[in-house]
C-alpha atoms as a PDB file:
ATOM      1  CA  UNK A   1       9.181   8.116  -7.175  1.00  0.00           C
ATOM      2  CA  UNK A   2       7.902   8.563  -3.633  1.00  0.00           C
ATOM      3  CA  UNK A   3       9.795  11.445  -2.102  1.00  0.00           C
ATOM      4  CA  UNK A   4      12.911  10.279  -0.302  1.00  0.00           C
ATOM      5  CA  UNK A   5      12.380   6.531  -0.744  1.00  0.00           C
ATOM      6  CA  UNK A   6      14.296   5.912  -3.940  1.00  0.00           C
ATOM      7  CA  UNK A   7      13.305   4.974  -7.447  1.00  0.00           C
ATOM      8  CA  UNK A   8      12.122   1.432  -6.643  1.00  0.00           C
ATOM      9  CA  UNK A   9       9.585   2.293  -3.923  1.00  0.00           C
ATOM     10  CA  UNK A  10       6.619   2.690  -6.283  1.00  0.00           C
ATOM     11  CA  UNK A  11       7.471  -0.523  -8.118  1.00  0.00           C
ATOM     12  CA  UNK A  12       7.706  -2.522  -4.884  1.00  0.00           C
ATOM     13  CA  UNK A  13       4.464  -1.096  -3.463  1.00  0.00           C
ATOM     14  CA  UNK A  14       2.496  -1.839  -6.634  1.00  0.00           C
ATOM     15  CA  UNK A  15       4.066  -5.319  -6.846  1.00  0.00           C
ATOM     16  CA  UNK A  16       2.920  -6.024  -3.255  1.00  0.00           C
ATOM     17  CA  UNK A  17      -0.543  -4.634  -4.011  1.00  0.00           C
ATOM     18  CA  UNK A  18      -0.903  -7.045  -6.917  1.00  0.00           C
ATOM     19  CA  UNK A  19       0.661 -10.072  -5.200  1.00  0.00           C
ATOM     20  CA  UNK A  20      -0.275  -9.712  -1.523  1.00  0.00           C
ATOM     21  CA  UNK A  21       2.041 -11.311   1.021  1.00  0.00           C
ATOM     22  CA  UNK A  22       5.238 -12.525  -0.632  1.00  0.00           C
ATOM     23  CA  UNK A  23       8.581 -14.007   0.324  1.00  0.00           C
ATOM     24  CA  UNK A  24      11.136 -11.207   0.403  1.00  0.00           C
ATOM     25  CA  UNK A  25      13.185 -13.060  -2.216  1.00  0.00           C
ATOM     26  CA  UNK A  26      10.227 -12.781  -4.648  1.00  0.00           C
ATOM     27  CA  UNK A  27      11.189  -9.122  -5.045  1.00  0.00           C
ATOM     28  CA  UNK A  28      13.884 -10.320  -7.446  1.00  0.00           C
ATOM     29  CA  UNK A  29      11.098 -10.254 -10.054  1.00  0.00           C
ATOM     30  CA  UNK A  30      11.109  -6.432  -9.937  1.00  0.00           C
ATOM     31  CA  UNK A  31      14.539  -5.570  -8.502  1.00  0.00           C
ATOM     32  CA  UNK A  32      17.495  -7.661  -9.616  1.00  0.00           C
ATOM     33  CA  UNK A  33      19.937  -6.702  -6.865  1.00  0.00           C
ATOM     34  CA  UNK A  34      19.242  -8.368  -3.464  1.00  0.00           C
ATOM     35  CA  UNK A  35      20.970  -5.558  -1.567  1.00  0.00           C
ATOM     36  CA  UNK A  36      18.706  -3.026  -3.281  1.00  0.00           C
ATOM     37  CA  UNK A  37      15.509  -4.858  -2.381  1.00  0.00           C
ATOM     38  CA  UNK A  38      16.775  -5.461   1.169  1.00  0.00           C
ATOM     39  CA  UNK A  39      17.374  -1.717   1.556  1.00  0.00           C
ATOM     40  CA  UNK A  40      14.017  -0.890  -0.061  1.00  0.00           C
ATOM     41  CA  UNK A  41      12.097  -3.223   2.266  1.00  0.00           C
ATOM     42  CA  UNK A  42      13.872  -1.707   5.258  1.00  0.00           C
ATOM     43  CA  UNK A  43      13.002   1.842   4.133  1.00  0.00           C
ATOM     44  CA  UNK A  44       9.360   0.949   3.404  1.00  0.00           C
ATOM     45  CA  UNK A  45       9.109  -0.749   6.798  1.00  0.00           C
ATOM     46  CA  UNK A  46      10.591   2.316   8.544  1.00  0.00           C
ATOM     47  CA  UNK A  47       7.903   4.598   7.079  1.00  0.00           C
ATOM     48  CA  UNK A  48       5.141   2.109   7.941  1.00  0.00           C
ATOM     49  CA  UNK A  49       4.239   0.960   4.406  1.00  0.00           C
ATOM     50  CA  UNK A  50       5.180  -2.714   4.803  1.00  0.00           C
ATOM     51  CA  UNK A  51       5.496  -5.264   7.524  1.00  0.00           C
ATOM     52  CA  UNK A  52       8.015  -8.075   7.566  1.00  0.00           C
ATOM     53  CA  UNK A  53       7.248 -11.341   9.326  1.00  0.00           C
ATOM     54  CA  UNK A  54       9.678 -14.144   9.928  1.00  0.00           C
ATOM     55  CA  UNK A  55       8.551 -17.726   9.591  1.00  0.00           C
ATOM     56  CA  UNK A  56      10.714 -20.774  10.037  1.00  0.00           C
ATOM     57  CA  UNK A  57       9.938 -23.404   7.410  1.00  0.00           C
ATOM     58  CA  UNK A  58      12.957 -25.625   7.801  1.00  0.00           C
ATOM     59  CA  UNK A  59      14.921 -22.414   7.353  1.00  0.00           C
ATOM     60  CA  UNK A  60      14.176 -18.791   8.087  1.00  0.00           C
ATOM     61  CA  UNK A  61      11.899 -17.134   5.517  1.00  0.00           C
ATOM     62  CA  UNK A  62      10.913 -13.467   5.573  1.00  0.00           C
ATOM     63  CA  UNK A  63       7.466 -12.513   4.308  1.00  0.00           C
ATOM     64  CA  UNK A  64       6.641  -8.960   3.243  1.00  0.00           C
ATOM     65  CA  UNK A  65       3.144  -7.478   3.011  1.00  0.00           C
ATOM     66  CA  UNK A  66       1.534  -4.068   2.856  1.00  0.00           C
ATOM     67  CA  UNK A  67       0.232  -2.363   5.964  1.00  0.00           C
ATOM     68  CA  UNK A  68      -3.118  -0.541   5.638  1.00  0.00           C
ATOM     69  CA  UNK A  69      -1.141   2.698   5.161  1.00  0.00           C
ATOM     70  CA  UNK A  70       1.022   1.039   2.504  1.00  0.00           C
ATOM     71  CA  UNK A  71      -2.038  -0.394   0.746  1.00  0.00           C
ATOM     72  CA  UNK A  72      -3.619   3.072   0.566  1.00  0.00           C
ATOM     73  CA  UNK A  73      -0.426   4.547  -0.923  1.00  0.00           C
ATOM     74  CA  UNK A  74      -0.016   1.630  -3.355  1.00  0.00           C
ATOM     75  CA  UNK A  75      -3.621   1.962  -4.554  1.00  0.00           C
ATOM     76  CA  UNK A  76      -3.079   5.662  -5.253  1.00  0.00           C
ATOM     77  CA  UNK A  77       0.141   4.870  -7.097  1.00  0.00           C
ATOM     78  CA  UNK A  78      -1.650   2.209  -9.137  1.00  0.00           C
ATOM     79  CA  UNK A  79      -4.439   4.639 -10.050  1.00  0.00           C
ATOM     80  CA  UNK A  80      -1.854   7.248 -11.069  1.00  0.00           C
ATOM     81  CA  UNK A  81       0.007   4.673 -13.171  1.00  0.00           C
ATOM     82  CA  UNK A  82      -3.237   3.584 -14.859  1.00  0.00           C
ATOM     83  CA  UNK A  83      -4.221   7.215 -15.514  1.00  0.00           C
ATOM     84  CA  UNK A  84      -0.810   7.837 -17.096  1.00  0.00           C
ATOM     85  CA  UNK A  85      -1.515   4.899 -19.420  1.00  0.00           C
ATOM     86  CA  UNK A  86      -4.784   6.530 -20.472  1.00  0.00           C
ATOM     87  CA  UNK A  87      -7.217   4.714 -18.216  1.00  0.00           C
ATOM     88  CA  UNK A  88     -10.021   7.040 -17.151  1.00  0.00           C
ATOM     89  CA  UNK A  89     -11.667   7.049 -13.738  1.00  0.00           C
ATOM     90  CA  UNK A  90     -15.203   8.346 -13.454  1.00  0.00           C
ATOM     91  CA  UNK A  91     -16.286   6.280 -10.462  1.00  0.00           C
ATOM     92  CA  UNK A  92     -14.468   4.099  -7.989  1.00  0.00           C
ATOM     93  CA  UNK A  93     -13.713   0.799  -9.690  1.00  0.00           C
ATOM     94  CA  UNK A  94     -16.602  -1.101  -8.088  1.00  0.00           C
ATOM     95  CA  UNK A  95     -19.049   1.420  -9.525  1.00  0.00           C
ATOM     96  CA  UNK A  96     -17.228   1.331 -12.856  1.00  0.00           C
ATOM     97  CA  UNK A  97     -17.652  -2.456 -13.020  1.00  0.00           C
ATOM     98  CA  UNK A  98     -21.365  -2.126 -12.230  1.00  0.00           C
ATOM     99  CA  UNK A  99     -21.739   0.478 -15.010  1.00  0.00           C
ATOM    100  CA  UNK A 100     -19.710  -1.698 -17.379  1.00  0.00           C
ATOM    101  CA  UNK A 101     -21.963  -4.716 -16.720  1.00  0.00           C
ATOM    102  CA  UNK A 102     -25.053  -2.520 -17.025  1.00  0.00           C
ATOM    103  CA  UNK A 103     -23.980  -1.537 -20.540  1.00  0.00           C
ATOM    104  CA  UNK A 104     -22.759  -5.000 -21.648  1.00  0.00           C
ATOM    105  CA  UNK A 105     -25.323  -7.187 -19.876  1.00  0.00           C
ATOM    106  CA  UNK A 106     -22.768  -9.894 -19.124  1.00  0.00           C
ATOM    107  CA  UNK A 107     -19.081 -10.535 -19.565  1.00  0.00           C
ATOM    108  CA  UNK A 108     -16.451 -13.137 -18.809  1.00  0.00           C
ATOM    109  CA  UNK A 109     -13.978 -12.645 -15.984  1.00  0.00           C
ATOM    110  CA  UNK A 110     -11.217 -12.644 -18.610  1.00  0.00           C
ATOM    111  CA  UNK A 111     -12.803  -9.701 -20.468  1.00  0.00           C
ATOM    112  CA  UNK A 112     -13.380  -7.900 -17.180  1.00  0.00           C
ATOM    113  CA  UNK A 113      -9.685  -8.316 -16.303  1.00  0.00           C
ATOM    114  CA  UNK A 114      -8.792  -6.714 -19.640  1.00  0.00           C
ATOM    115  CA  UNK A 115     -10.862  -3.680 -18.704  1.00  0.00           C
ATOM    116  CA  UNK A 116     -10.120  -3.444 -14.966  1.00  0.00           C
ATOM    117  CA  UNK A 117      -6.707  -4.163 -13.458  1.00  0.00           C
ATOM    118  CA  UNK A 118      -7.945  -5.440 -10.069  1.00  0.00           C
ATOM    119  CA  UNK A 119     -11.008  -7.245 -11.428  1.00  0.00           C
ATOM    120  CA  UNK A 120     -10.592 -10.511  -9.510  1.00  0.00           C
ATOM    121  CA  UNK A 121     -10.577  -8.844  -6.104  1.00  0.00           C
ATOM    122  CA  UNK A 122     -13.367  -6.444  -7.068  1.00  0.00           C
ATOM    123  CA  UNK A 123     -15.528  -9.311  -8.382  1.00  0.00           C
ATOM    124  CA  UNK A 124     -15.156 -11.142  -5.064  1.00  0.00           C
ATOM    125  CA  UNK A 125     -16.227  -8.011  -3.182  1.00  0.00           C
ATOM    126  CA  UNK A 126     -19.214  -7.422  -5.460  1.00  0.00           C
ATOM    127  CA  UNK A 127     -20.275 -11.082  -5.190  1.00  0.00           C
ATOM    128  CA  UNK A 128     -20.042 -10.938  -1.418  1.00  0.00           C
ATOM    129  CA  UNK A 129     -22.284  -7.845  -1.491  1.00  0.00           C
ATOM    130  CA  UNK A 130     -24.691  -9.764  -3.787  1.00  0.00           C
ATOM    131  CA  UNK A 131     -24.381  -7.108  -6.502  1.00  0.00           C
ATOM    132  CA  UNK A 132     -23.112  -9.493  -9.184  1.00  0.00           C
ATOM    133  CA  UNK A 133     -23.267 -13.228  -9.701  1.00  0.00           C
ATOM    134  CA  UNK A 134     -21.604 -15.727 -11.941  1.00  0.00           C
ATOM    135  CA  UNK A 135     -23.631 -17.804 -14.373  1.00  0.00           C
ATOM    136  CA  UNK A 136     -22.415 -20.714 -16.469  1.00  0.00           C
ATOM    137  CA  UNK A 137     -23.325 -20.992 -20.139  1.00  0.00           C
ATOM    138  CA  UNK A 138     -23.396 -24.719 -20.918  1.00  0.00           C
ATOM    139  CA  UNK A 139     -24.285 -24.217 -24.594  1.00  0.00           C
ATOM    140  CA  UNK A 140     -20.623 -24.267 -25.600  1.00  0.00           C
ATOM    141  CA  UNK A 141     -17.784 -26.601 -24.763  1.00  0.00           C
ATOM    142  CA  UNK A 142     -16.083 -25.959 -22.470  1.00  0.00           C
ATOM    143  CA  UNK A 143     -18.805 -24.114 -20.550  1.00  0.00           C
ATOM    144  CA  UNK A 144     -18.233 -20.368 -20.218  1.00  0.00           C
ATOM    145  CA  UNK A 145     -18.520 -18.525 -16.928  1.00  0.00           C
ATOM    146  CA  UNK A 146     -20.249 -15.131 -17.247  1.00  0.00           C
ATOM    147  CA  UNK A 147     -20.627 -12.336 -14.726  1.00  0.00           C
ATOM    148  CA  UNK A 148     -23.979 -10.551 -14.562  1.00  0.00           C
ATOM    149  CA  UNK A 149     -25.708  -8.048 -12.305  1.00  0.00           C
ATOM    150  CA  UNK A 150     -28.145  -9.307  -9.702  1.00  0.00           C
ATOM    151  CA  UNK A 151     -31.440  -7.455  -9.115  1.00  0.00           C
ATOM    152  CA  UNK A 152     -29.662  -5.452  -6.410  1.00  0.00           C
ATOM    153  CA  UNK A 153     -26.877  -4.706  -8.901  1.00  0.00           C
ATOM    154  CA  UNK A 154     -29.407  -3.543 -11.516  1.00  0.00           C
ATOM    155  CA  UNK A 155     -30.936  -1.152  -8.971  1.00  0.00           C
ATOM    156  CA  UNK A 156     -27.493   0.280  -8.227  1.00  0.00           C
ATOM    157  CA  UNK A 157     -26.759   0.563 -11.976  1.00  0.00           C
ATOM    158  CA  UNK A 158     -29.984   2.528 -12.449  1.00  0.00           C
ATOM    159  CA  UNK A 159     -28.940   4.940  -9.691  1.00  0.00           C
ATOM    160  CA  UNK A 160     -25.486   5.289 -11.241  1.00  0.00           C
ATOM    161  CA  UNK A 161     -27.083   6.156 -14.605  1.00  0.00           C
ATOM    162  CA  UNK A 162     -29.150   8.838 -12.866  1.00  0.00           C
ATOM    163  CA  UNK A 163     -26.007  10.233 -11.213  1.00  0.00           C
ATOM    164  CA  UNK A 164     -24.269  10.356 -14.609  1.00  0.00           C
ATOM    165  CA  UNK A 165     -27.251  12.242 -16.056  1.00  0.00           C
ATOM    166  CA  UNK A 166     -27.139  14.756 -13.204  1.00  0.00           C
ATOM    167  CA  UNK A 167     -23.391  15.244 -13.659  1.00  0.00           C
ATOM    168  CA  UNK A 168     -23.848  15.866 -17.392  1.00  0.00           C
ATOM    169  CA  UNK A 169     -26.427  18.475 -16.339  1.00  0.00           C
END
């Protein structure tokens, strides 16, 4: 629980981290009582963790999303939750994915999602940085999409291996 914000604050922040901008009524997926999620959104807004935007789509709809401050808190909460479940963190997740691909050679996005909670977003970032790329294996039906390191990614993986060796001392 985040001090002073009630027992649902962590749940709501992590839910928003995973979903992005949502309709306020979507919070019913994690909090059953509308008055409770109304109060929670108000409290999170007051401390600067979320923003609420009104949009009229035939009727008034309220959208809730994380602020940069809220995103930072939610990411820390997510890491703490993952650590409590036994997930280990040796590098930031982007580096962990690079090391994972270095060891495996290639993997499917599905397998990567099993290993890393935020894999989809991280894959997009790594693709944009030209560190990984997706290749399609047409030898099976349906074709399988694999993620592999680019040459730039292999250089980074080599440096990460050297850092691991230094840390092991």
